[in-house]
Amino acid sequence: MAMTPEAKVKKQVKKILDEYGVWHFSPPGMGLGRAGIPDIIACHGGQFLAIECKAGSNKPTLLQERELERITQAGGHALVIREDNINELHRLLLWTKKN
């Protein structure tokens, strides 16, 4: 079965997280968890990271935006990562490694 564009982004993000030695997991989907939770939850350098993966010009849903904002307000780092902004993840991981 072919991988969806979003699945390819998730795979790339997980590979980068593994390369940096970041602890991470993907919450279950398909209605088993709370709606809007980001695709990947991680911790690096004592910092909480939440990553929503999107492909192309797709945008987070309103529920996803709400959860990302709540994470930011709580002091965590929330990112929306696409194929064209993967460097944002590298920058954040380098920063969390130093702090």
PDB file of N, CA and C in Angstrom:
ATOM      1  N   MET A   1       0.848  -1.181   0.000  1.00  0.00           N
ATOM      2  CA  MET A   1       0.000   0.000   0.000  1.00  0.00           C
ATOM      3  C   MET A   1       0.892   1.242   0.000  1.00  0.00           C
ATOM      4  N   ALA A   2       0.552   2.207  -0.834  1.00  0.00           N
ATOM      5  CA  ALA A   2       1.325   3.441  -0.953  1.00  0.00           C
ATOM      6  C   ALA A   2       1.120   4.325   0.268  1.00  0.00           C
ATOM      7  N   MET A   3       2.182   5.025   0.622  1.00  0.00           N
ATOM      8  CA  MET A   3       2.138   5.937   1.764  1.00  0.00           C
ATOM      9  C   MET A   3       1.518   7.257   1.334  1.00  0.00           C
ATOM     10  N   THR A   4       0.660   7.810   2.193  1.00  0.00           N
ATOM     11  CA  THR A   4       0.080   9.118   1.898  1.00  0.00           C
ATOM     12  C   THR A   4       1.153  10.189   2.051  1.00  0.00           C
ATOM     13  N   PRO A   5       0.956  11.356   1.435  1.00  0.00           N
ATOM     14  CA  PRO A   5       1.928  12.443   1.604  1.00  0.00           C
ATOM     15  C   PRO A   5       2.145  12.813   3.074  1.00  0.00           C
ATOM     16  N   GLU A   6       1.073  12.827   3.871  1.00  0.00           N
ATOM     17  CA  GLU A   6       1.216  13.150   5.287  1.00  0.00           C
ATOM     18  C   GLU A   6       1.998  12.065   6.024  1.00  0.00           C
ATOM     19  N   ALA A   7       1.772  10.820   5.672  1.00  0.00           N
ATOM     20  CA  ALA A   7       2.519   9.718   6.301  1.00  0.00           C
ATOM     21  C   ALA A   7       4.007   9.843   6.003  1.00  0.00           C
ATOM     22  N   LYS A   8       4.339  10.328   4.804  1.00  0.00           N
ATOM     23  CA  LYS A   8       5.752  10.537   4.455  1.00  0.00           C
ATOM     24  C   LYS A   8       6.370  11.622   5.335  1.00  0.00           C
ATOM     25  N   VAL A   9       5.617  12.677   5.612  1.00  0.00           N
ATOM     26  CA  VAL A   9       6.108  13.745   6.494  1.00  0.00           C
ATOM     27  C   VAL A   9       6.308  13.178   7.896  1.00  0.00           C
ATOM     28  N   LYS A  10       5.344  12.413   8.391  1.00  0.00           N
ATOM     29  CA  LYS A  10       5.466  11.811   9.726  1.00  0.00           C
ATOM     30  C   LYS A  10       6.707  10.923   9.807  1.00  0.00           C
ATOM     31  N   LYS A  11       6.927  10.134   8.788  1.00  0.00           N
ATOM     32  CA  LYS A  11       8.090   9.238   8.761  1.00  0.00           C
ATOM     33  C   LYS A  11       9.385  10.042   8.809  1.00  0.00           C
ATOM     34  N   GLN A  12       9.443  11.115   8.047  1.00  0.00           N
ATOM     35  CA  GLN A  12      10.635  11.970   8.021  1.00  0.00           C
ATOM     36  C   GLN A  12      10.850  12.631   9.392  1.00  0.00           C
ATOM     37  N   VAL A  13       9.781  13.116  10.003  1.00  0.00           N
ATOM     38  CA  VAL A  13       9.879  13.751  11.325  1.00  0.00           C
ATOM     39  C   VAL A  13      10.386  12.736  12.350  1.00  0.00           C
ATOM     40  N   LYS A  14       9.827  11.535  12.356  1.00  0.00           N
ATOM     41  CA  LYS A  14      10.247  10.510  13.313  1.00  0.00           C
ATOM     42  C   LYS A  14      11.711  10.129  13.116  1.00  0.00           C
ATOM     43  N   LYS A  15      12.155  10.083  11.870  1.00  0.00           N
ATOM     44  CA  LYS A  15      13.556   9.774  11.579  1.00  0.00           C
ATOM     45  C   LYS A  15      14.469  10.851  12.179  1.00  0.00           C
ATOM     46  N   ILE A  16      14.091  12.104  12.003  1.00  0.00           N
ATOM     47  CA  ILE A  16      14.880  13.216  12.556  1.00  0.00           C
ATOM     48  C   ILE A  16      14.889  13.146  14.080  1.00  0.00           C
ATOM     49  N   LEU A  17      13.742  12.905  14.682  1.00  0.00           N
ATOM     50  CA  LEU A  17      13.675  12.788  16.142  1.00  0.00           C
ATOM     51  C   LEU A  17      14.586  11.672  16.636  1.00  0.00           C
ATOM     52  N   ASP A  18      14.570  10.541  15.946  1.00  0.00           N
ATOM     53  CA  ASP A  18      15.427   9.420  16.326  1.00  0.00           C
ATOM     54  C   ASP A  18      16.905   9.790  16.202  1.00  0.00           C
ATOM     55  N   GLU A  19      17.252  10.518  15.141  1.00  0.00           N
ATOM     56  CA  GLU A  19      18.652  10.931  14.937  1.00  0.00           C
ATOM     57  C   GLU A  19      19.148  11.820  16.069  1.00  0.00           C
ATOM     58  N   TYR A  20      18.261  12.628  16.633  1.00  0.00           N
ATOM     59  CA  TYR A  20      18.622  13.518  17.740  1.00  0.00           C
ATOM     60  C   TYR A  20      18.482  12.833  19.106  1.00  0.00           C
ATOM     61  N   GLY A  21      18.014  11.605  19.122  1.00  0.00           N
ATOM     62  CA  GLY A  21      17.816  10.896  20.380  1.00  0.00           C
ATOM     63  C   GLY A  21      16.643  11.411  21.184  1.00  0.00           C
ATOM     64  N   VAL A  22      15.623  11.881  20.505  1.00  0.00           N
ATOM     65  CA  VAL A  22      14.447  12.460  21.155  1.00  0.00           C
ATOM     66  C   VAL A  22      13.460  11.354  21.527  1.00  0.00           C
ATOM     67  N   TRP A  23      12.953  11.424  22.758  1.00  0.00           N
ATOM     68  CA  TRP A  23      11.875  10.524  23.158  1.00  0.00           C
ATOM     69  C   TRP A  23      10.599  11.013  22.482  1.00  0.00           C
ATOM     70  N   HIS A  24       9.856  10.102  21.849  1.00  0.00           N
ATOM     71  CA  HIS A  24       8.610  10.507  21.182  1.00  0.00           C
ATOM     72  C   HIS A  24       7.653   9.333  21.041  1.00  0.00           C
ATOM     73  N   PHE A  25       6.392   9.677  20.854  1.00  0.00           N
ATOM     74  CA  PHE A  25       5.371   8.680  20.541  1.00  0.00           C
ATOM     75  C   PHE A  25       4.260   9.341  19.747  1.00  0.00           C
ATOM     76  N   SER A  26       3.470   8.495  19.101  1.00  0.00           N
ATOM     77  CA  SER A  26       2.316   8.963  18.327  1.00  0.00           C
ATOM     78  C   SER A  26       1.047   8.491  19.022  1.00  0.00           C
ATOM     79  N   PRO A  27       0.234   9.441  19.509  1.00  0.00           N
ATOM     80  CA  PRO A  27      -1.025   9.046  20.163  1.00  0.00           C
ATOM     81  C   PRO A  27      -1.922   8.290  19.186  1.00  0.00           C
ATOM     82  N   PRO A  28      -2.735   7.367  19.691  1.00  0.00           N
ATOM     83  CA  PRO A  28      -3.632   6.630  18.798  1.00  0.00           C
ATOM     84  C   PRO A  28      -4.662   7.558  18.169  1.00  0.00           C
ATOM     85  N   GLY A  29      -4.981   7.271  16.946  1.00  0.00           N
ATOM     86  CA  GLY A  29      -5.996   8.049  16.229  1.00  0.00           C
ATOM     87  C   GLY A  29      -7.302   7.285  16.157  1.00  0.00           C
ATOM     88  N   MET A  30      -8.052   7.569  15.146  1.00  0.00           N
ATOM     89  CA  MET A  30      -9.309   6.865  14.852  1.00  0.00           C
ATOM     90  C   MET A  30     -10.300   6.926  16.008  1.00  0.00           C
ATOM     91  N   GLY A  31     -10.396   8.087  16.651  1.00  0.00           N
ATOM     92  CA  GLY A  31     -11.394   8.267  17.694  1.00  0.00           C
ATOM     93  C   GLY A  31     -11.053   7.637  19.029  1.00  0.00           C
ATOM     94  N   LEU A  32      -9.828   7.152  19.189  1.00  0.00           N
ATOM     95  CA  LEU A  32      -9.461   6.498  20.440  1.00  0.00           C
ATOM     96  C   LEU A  32      -8.933   7.478  21.489  1.00  0.00           C
ATOM     97  N   GLY A  33      -8.544   8.669  21.082  1.00  0.00           N
ATOM     98  CA  GLY A  33      -8.028   9.662  22.018  1.00  0.00           C
ATOM     99  C   GLY A  33      -8.846  10.931  21.939  1.00  0.00           C
ATOM    100  N   ARG A  34      -8.316  11.995  22.508  1.00  0.00           N
ATOM    101  CA  ARG A  34      -8.996  13.288  22.457  1.00  0.00           C
ATOM    102  C   ARG A  34      -8.799  13.913  21.085  1.00  0.00           C
ATOM    103  N   ALA A  35      -9.829  14.477  20.530  1.00  0.00           N
ATOM    104  CA  ALA A  35      -9.772  15.094  19.203  1.00  0.00           C
ATOM    105  C   ALA A  35      -8.825  16.284  19.198  1.00  0.00           C
ATOM    106  N   GLY A  36      -8.024  16.399  18.152  1.00  0.00           N
ATOM    107  CA  GLY A  36      -7.156  17.548  17.971  1.00  0.00           C
ATOM    108  C   GLY A  36      -5.751  17.379  18.509  1.00  0.00           C
ATOM    109  N   ILE A  37      -5.465  16.261  19.187  1.00  0.00           N
ATOM    110  CA  ILE A  37      -4.127  16.041  19.734  1.00  0.00           C
ATOM    111  C   ILE A  37      -3.132  15.918  18.569  1.00  0.00           C
ATOM    112  N   PRO A  38      -1.962  16.561  18.694  1.00  0.00           N
ATOM    113  CA  PRO A  38      -0.974  16.509  17.605  1.00  0.00           C
ATOM    114  C   PRO A  38      -0.524  15.074  17.275  1.00  0.00           C
ATOM    115  N   ASP A  39       0.029  14.919  16.089  1.00  0.00           N
ATOM    116  CA  ASP A  39       0.450  13.607  15.592  1.00  0.00           C
ATOM    117  C   ASP A  39       1.578  12.995  16.414  1.00  0.00           C
ATOM    118  N   ILE A  40       2.503  13.822  16.870  1.00  0.00           N
ATOM    119  CA  ILE A  40       3.676  13.321  17.586  1.00  0.00           C
ATOM    120  C   ILE A  40       3.890  14.150  18.849  1.00  0.00           C
ATOM    121  N   ILE A  41       4.062  13.465  19.964  1.00  0.00           N
ATOM    122  CA  ILE A  41       4.373  14.095  21.246  1.00  0.00           C
ATOM    123  C   ILE A  41       5.809  13.693  21.573  1.00  0.00           C
ATOM    124  N   ALA A  42       6.621  14.659  21.998  1.00  0.00           N
ATOM    125  CA  ALA A  42       8.037  14.374  22.233  1.00  0.00           C
ATOM    126  C   ALA A  42       8.566  15.185  23.410  1.00  0.00           C
ATOM    127  N   CYS A  43       9.733  14.762  23.879  1.00  0.00           N
ATOM    128  CA  CYS A  43      10.439  15.497  24.928  1.00  0.00           C
ATOM    129  C   CYS A  43      11.920  15.469  24.596  1.00  0.00           C
ATOM    130  N   HIS A  44      12.547  16.645  24.630  1.00  0.00           N
ATOM    131  CA  HIS A  44      13.976  16.751  24.316  1.00  0.00           C
ATOM    132  C   HIS A  44      14.582  17.861  25.148  1.00  0.00           C
ATOM    133  N   GLY A  45      15.659  17.551  25.830  1.00  0.00           N
ATOM    134  CA  GLY A  45      16.314  18.559  26.659  1.00  0.00           C
ATOM    135  C   GLY A  45      15.394  19.127  27.723  1.00  0.00           C
ATOM    136  N   GLY A  46      14.462  18.319  28.201  1.00  0.00           N
ATOM    137  CA  GLY A  46      13.520  18.777  29.212  1.00  0.00           C
ATOM    138  C   GLY A  46      12.392  19.632  28.669  1.00  0.00           C
ATOM    139  N   GLN A  47      12.285  19.746  27.367  1.00  0.00           N
ATOM    140  CA  GLN A  47      11.255  20.564  26.732  1.00  0.00           C
ATOM    141  C   GLN A  47      10.175  19.675  26.109  1.00  0.00           C
ATOM    142  N   PHE A  48       8.917  20.049  26.334  1.00  0.00           N
ATOM    143  CA  PHE A  48       7.768  19.337  25.756  1.00  0.00           C
ATOM    144  C   PHE A  48       7.561  19.815  24.324  1.00  0.00           C
ATOM    145  N   LEU A  49       7.464  18.871  23.395  1.00  0.00           N
ATOM    146  CA  LEU A  49       7.265  19.190  21.984  1.00  0.00           C
ATOM    147  C   LEU A  49       6.010  18.496  21.459  1.00  0.00           C
ATOM    148  N   ALA A  50       5.228  19.219  20.693  1.00  0.00           N
ATOM    149  CA  ALA A  50       4.049  18.656  20.037  1.00  0.00           C
ATOM    150  C   ALA A  50       4.156  18.995  18.558  1.00  0.00           C
ATOM    151  N   ILE A  51       4.050  17.978  17.717  1.00  0.00           N
ATOM    152  CA  ILE A  51       4.258  18.170  16.283  1.00  0.00           C
ATOM    153  C   ILE A  51       3.048  17.678  15.517  1.00  0.00           C
ATOM    154  N   GLU A  52       2.445  18.565  14.758  1.00  0.00           N
ATOM    155  CA  GLU A  52       1.355  18.223  13.853  1.00  0.00           C
ATOM    156  C   GLU A  52       1.955  18.162  12.460  1.00  0.00           C
ATOM    157  N   CYS A  53       1.806  17.044  11.786  1.00  0.00           N
ATOM    158  CA  CYS A  53       2.371  16.861  10.454  1.00  0.00           C
ATOM    159  C   CYS A  53       1.301  17.080   9.394  1.00  0.00           C
ATOM    160  N   LYS A  54       1.639  17.878   8.402  1.00  0.00           N
ATOM    161  CA  LYS A  54       0.735  18.145   7.282  1.00  0.00           C
ATOM    162  C   LYS A  54       1.523  18.044   5.984  1.00  0.00           C
ATOM    163  N   ALA A  55       0.838  17.771   4.916  1.00  0.00           N
ATOM    164  CA  ALA A  55       1.468  17.686   3.603  1.00  0.00           C
ATOM    165  C   ALA A  55       0.931  18.788   2.704  1.00  0.00           C
ATOM    166  N   GLY A  56       1.811  19.295   1.858  1.00  0.00           N
ATOM    167  CA  GLY A  56       1.404  20.319   0.906  1.00  0.00           C
ATOM    168  C   GLY A  56       0.866  21.553   1.594  1.00  0.00           C
ATOM    169  N   SER A  57      -0.275  22.023   1.132  1.00  0.00           N
ATOM    170  CA  SER A  57      -0.869  23.237   1.697  1.00  0.00           C
ATOM    171  C   SER A  57      -1.936  22.934   2.751  1.00  0.00           C
ATOM    172  N   ASN A  58      -2.040  21.680   3.165  1.00  0.00           N
ATOM    173  CA  ASN A  58      -3.027  21.318   4.195  1.00  0.00           C
ATOM    174  C   ASN A  58      -2.743  22.079   5.480  1.00  0.00           C
ATOM    175  N   LYS A  59      -3.803  22.445   6.169  1.00  0.00           N
ATOM    176  CA  LYS A  59      -3.696  23.209   7.406  1.00  0.00           C
ATOM    177  C   LYS A  59      -4.309  22.417   8.551  1.00  0.00           C
ATOM    178  N   PRO A  60      -3.885  22.725   9.787  1.00  0.00           N
ATOM    179  CA  PRO A  60      -4.506  22.059  10.935  1.00  0.00           C
ATOM    180  C   PRO A  60      -5.994  22.407  11.018  1.00  0.00           C
ATOM    181  N   THR A  61      -6.757  21.469  11.560  1.00  0.00           N
ATOM    182  CA  THR A  61      -8.174  21.726  11.795  1.00  0.00           C
ATOM    183  C   THR A  61      -8.304  22.714  12.958  1.00  0.00           C
ATOM    184  N   LEU A  62      -9.494  23.228  13.166  1.00  0.00           N
ATOM    185  CA  LEU A  62      -9.713  24.134  14.292  1.00  0.00           C
ATOM    186  C   LEU A  62      -9.412  23.451  15.629  1.00  0.00           C
ATOM    187  N   LEU A  63      -9.784  22.182  15.756  1.00  0.00           N
ATOM    188  CA  LEU A  63      -9.480  21.445  16.985  1.00  0.00           C
ATOM    189  C   LEU A  63      -7.972  21.292  17.170  1.00  0.00           C
ATOM    190  N   GLN A  64      -7.257  21.010  16.088  1.00  0.00           N
ATOM    191  CA  GLN A  64      -5.803  20.886  16.168  1.00  0.00           C
ATOM    192  C   GLN A  64      -5.164  22.224  16.527  1.00  0.00           C
ATOM    193  N   GLU A  65      -5.643  23.298  15.922  1.00  0.00           N
ATOM    194  CA  GLU A  65      -5.118  24.629  16.244  1.00  0.00           C
ATOM    195  C   GLU A  65      -5.345  24.954  17.712  1.00  0.00           C
ATOM    196  N   ARG A  66      -6.514  24.597  18.237  1.00  0.00           N
ATOM    197  CA  ARG A  66      -6.819  24.847  19.641  1.00  0.00           C
ATOM    198  C   ARG A  66      -5.845  24.104  20.547  1.00  0.00           C
ATOM    199  N   GLU A  67      -5.589  22.840  20.252  1.00  0.00           N
ATOM    200  CA  GLU A  67      -4.676  22.051  21.080  1.00  0.00           C
ATOM    201  C   GLU A  67      -3.241  22.573  20.982  1.00  0.00           C
ATOM    202  N   LEU A  68      -2.807  22.954  19.798  1.00  0.00           N
ATOM    203  CA  LEU A  68      -1.455  23.510  19.633  1.00  0.00           C
ATOM    204  C   LEU A  68      -1.308  24.801  20.438  1.00  0.00           C
ATOM    205  N   GLU A  69      -2.337  25.627  20.426  1.00  0.00           N
ATOM    206  CA  GLU A  69      -2.318  26.874  21.192  1.00  0.00           C
ATOM    207  C   GLU A  69      -2.297  26.591  22.694  1.00  0.00           C
ATOM    208  N   ARG A  70      -3.071  25.630  23.142  1.00  0.00           N
ATOM    209  CA  ARG A  70      -3.095  25.284  24.567  1.00  0.00           C
ATOM    210  C   ARG A  70      -1.730  24.763  25.022  1.00  0.00           C
ATOM    211  N   ILE A  71      -1.074  24.001  24.178  1.00  0.00           N
ATOM    212  CA  ILE A  71       0.267  23.494  24.500  1.00  0.00           C
ATOM    213  C   ILE A  71       1.243  24.651  24.618  1.00  0.00           C
ATOM    214  N   THR A  72       1.178  25.596  23.685  1.00  0.00           N
ATOM    215  CA  THR A  72       2.053  26.771  23.725  1.00  0.00           C
ATOM    216  C   THR A  72       1.787  27.587  24.990  1.00  0.00           C
ATOM    217  N   GLN A  73       0.527  27.798  25.322  1.00  0.00           N
ATOM    218  CA  GLN A  73       0.180  28.556  26.519  1.00  0.00           C
ATOM    219  C   GLN A  73       0.668  27.864  27.791  1.00  0.00           C
ATOM    220  N   ALA A  74       0.773  26.554  27.760  1.00  0.00           N
ATOM    221  CA  ALA A  74       1.241  25.804  28.921  1.00  0.00           C
ATOM    222  C   ALA A  74       2.770  25.763  29.004  1.00  0.00           C
ATOM    223  N   GLY A  75       3.449  26.375  28.035  1.00  0.00           N
ATOM    224  CA  GLY A  75       4.902  26.433  28.058  1.00  0.00           C
ATOM    225  C   GLY A  75       5.592  25.420  27.172  1.00  0.00           C
ATOM    226  N   GLY A  76       4.822  24.632  26.419  1.00  0.00           N
ATOM    227  CA  GLY A  76       5.404  23.664  25.492  1.00  0.00           C
ATOM    228  C   GLY A  76       5.694  24.293  24.142  1.00  0.00           C
ATOM    229  N   HIS A  77       6.282  23.518  23.283  1.00  0.00           N
ATOM    230  CA  HIS A  77       6.580  23.953  21.913  1.00  0.00           C
ATOM    231  C   HIS A  77       5.668  23.185  20.966  1.00  0.00           C
ATOM    232  N   ALA A  78       4.914  23.897  20.154  1.00  0.00           N
ATOM    233  CA  ALA A  78       3.977  23.277  19.220  1.00  0.00           C
ATOM    234  C   ALA A  78       4.331  23.714  17.806  1.00  0.00           C
ATOM    235  N   LEU A  79       4.504  22.733  16.929  1.00  0.00           N
ATOM    236  CA  LEU A  79       4.883  23.018  15.551  1.00  0.00           C
ATOM    237  C   LEU A  79       3.951  22.322  14.573  1.00  0.00           C
ATOM    238  N   VAL A  80       3.775  22.946  13.428  1.00  0.00           N
ATOM    239  CA  VAL A  80       3.138  22.296  12.287  1.00  0.00           C
ATOM    240  C   VAL A  80       4.258  22.113  11.274  1.00  0.00           C
ATOM    241  N   ILE A  81       4.572  20.865  10.960  1.00  0.00           N
ATOM    242  CA  ILE A  81       5.686  20.568  10.063  1.00  0.00           C
ATOM    243  C   ILE A  81       5.160  20.008   8.752  1.00  0.00           C
ATOM    244  N   ARG A  82       5.691  20.588   7.674  1.00  0.00           N
ATOM    245  CA  ARG A  82       5.404  20.144   6.307  1.00  0.00           C
ATOM    246  C   ARG A  82       6.737  19.817   5.631  1.00  0.00           C
ATOM    247  N   GLU A  83       6.653  19.338   4.417  1.00  0.00           N
ATOM    248  CA  GLU A  83       7.863  19.037   3.651  1.00  0.00           C
ATOM    249  C   GLU A  83       8.754  20.274   3.503  1.00  0.00           C
ATOM    250  N   ASP A  84       8.133  21.445   3.393  1.00  0.00           N
ATOM    251  CA  ASP A  84       8.895  22.666   3.078  1.00  0.00           C
ATOM    252  C   ASP A  84       9.409  23.425   4.301  1.00  0.00           C
ATOM    253  N   ASN A  85       9.093  22.971   5.526  1.00  0.00           N
ATOM    254  CA  ASN A  85       9.597  23.686   6.703  1.00  0.00           C
ATOM    255  C   ASN A  85      10.238  22.747   7.727  1.00  0.00           C
ATOM    256  N   ILE A  86      10.737  21.626   7.260  1.00  0.00           N
ATOM    257  CA  ILE A  86      11.345  20.632   8.153  1.00  0.00           C
ATOM    258  C   ILE A  86      12.532  21.216   8.916  1.00  0.00           C
ATOM    259  N   ASN A  87      13.154  22.273   8.370  1.00  0.00           N
ATOM    260  CA  ASN A  87      14.289  22.899   9.059  1.00  0.00           C
ATOM    261  C   ASN A  87      13.875  23.530  10.386  1.00  0.00           C
ATOM    262  N   GLU A  88      12.615  23.905  10.526  1.00  0.00           N
ATOM    263  CA  GLU A  88      12.130  24.431  11.810  1.00  0.00           C
ATOM    264  C   GLU A  88      12.296  23.383  12.910  1.00  0.00           C
ATOM    265  N   LEU A  89      12.085  22.132  12.575  1.00  0.00           N
ATOM    266  CA  LEU A  89      12.256  21.059  13.544  1.00  0.00           C
ATOM    267  C   LEU A  89      13.725  20.936  13.937  1.00  0.00           C
ATOM    268  N   HIS A  90      14.614  20.971  12.949  1.00  0.00           N
ATOM    269  CA  HIS A  90      16.051  20.922  13.243  1.00  0.00           C
ATOM    270  C   HIS A  90      16.466  22.075  14.162  1.00  0.00           C
ATOM    271  N   ARG A  91      16.002  23.276  13.864  1.00  0.00           N
ATOM    272  CA  ARG A  91      16.354  24.446  14.685  1.00  0.00           C
ATOM    273  C   ARG A  91      15.880  24.278  16.127  1.00  0.00           C
ATOM    274  N   LEU A  92      14.641  23.817  16.294  1.00  0.00           N
ATOM    275  CA  LEU A  92      14.108  23.630  17.643  1.00  0.00           C
ATOM    276  C   LEU A  92      14.894  22.552  18.391  1.00  0.00           C
ATOM    277  N   LEU A  93      15.225  21.468  17.727  1.00  0.00           N
ATOM    278  CA  LEU A  93      15.954  20.387  18.394  1.00  0.00           C
ATOM    279  C   LEU A  93      17.367  20.831  18.783  1.00  0.00           C
ATOM    280  N   LEU A  94      18.007  21.629  17.945  1.00  0.00           N
ATOM    281  CA  LEU A  94      19.324  22.162  18.315  1.00  0.00           C
ATOM    282  C   LEU A  94      19.208  23.080  19.516  1.00  0.00           C
ATOM    283  N   TRP A  95      18.153  23.904  19.568  1.00  0.00           N
ATOM    284  CA  TRP A  95      17.945  24.807  20.694  1.00  0.00           C
ATOM    285  C   TRP A  95      17.656  24.025  21.988  1.00  0.00           C
ATOM    286  N   THR A  96      16.764  23.013  21.907  1.00  0.00           N
ATOM    287  CA  THR A  96      16.428  22.265  23.117  1.00  0.00           C
ATOM    288  C   THR A  96      17.614  21.446  23.611  1.00  0.00           C
ATOM    289  N   LYS A  97      18.489  21.063  22.714  1.00  0.00           N
ATOM    290  CA  LYS A  97      19.693  20.300  23.105  1.00  0.00           C
ATOM    291  C   LYS A  97      20.624  21.188  23.940  1.00  0.00           C
ATOM    292  N   LYS A  98      20.686  22.478  23.619  1.00  0.00           N
ATOM    293  CA  LYS A  98      21.581  23.414  24.307  1.00  0.00           C
ATOM    294  C   LYS A  98      21.008  23.913  25.615  1.00  0.00           C
ATOM    295  N   ASN A  99      19.694  23.956  25.736  1.00  0.00           N
ATOM    296  CA  ASN A  99      19.048  24.554  26.926  1.00  0.00           C
ATOM    297  C   ASN A  99      18.545  23.543  27.908  1.00  0.00           C
TER     298      ASN A  99
END
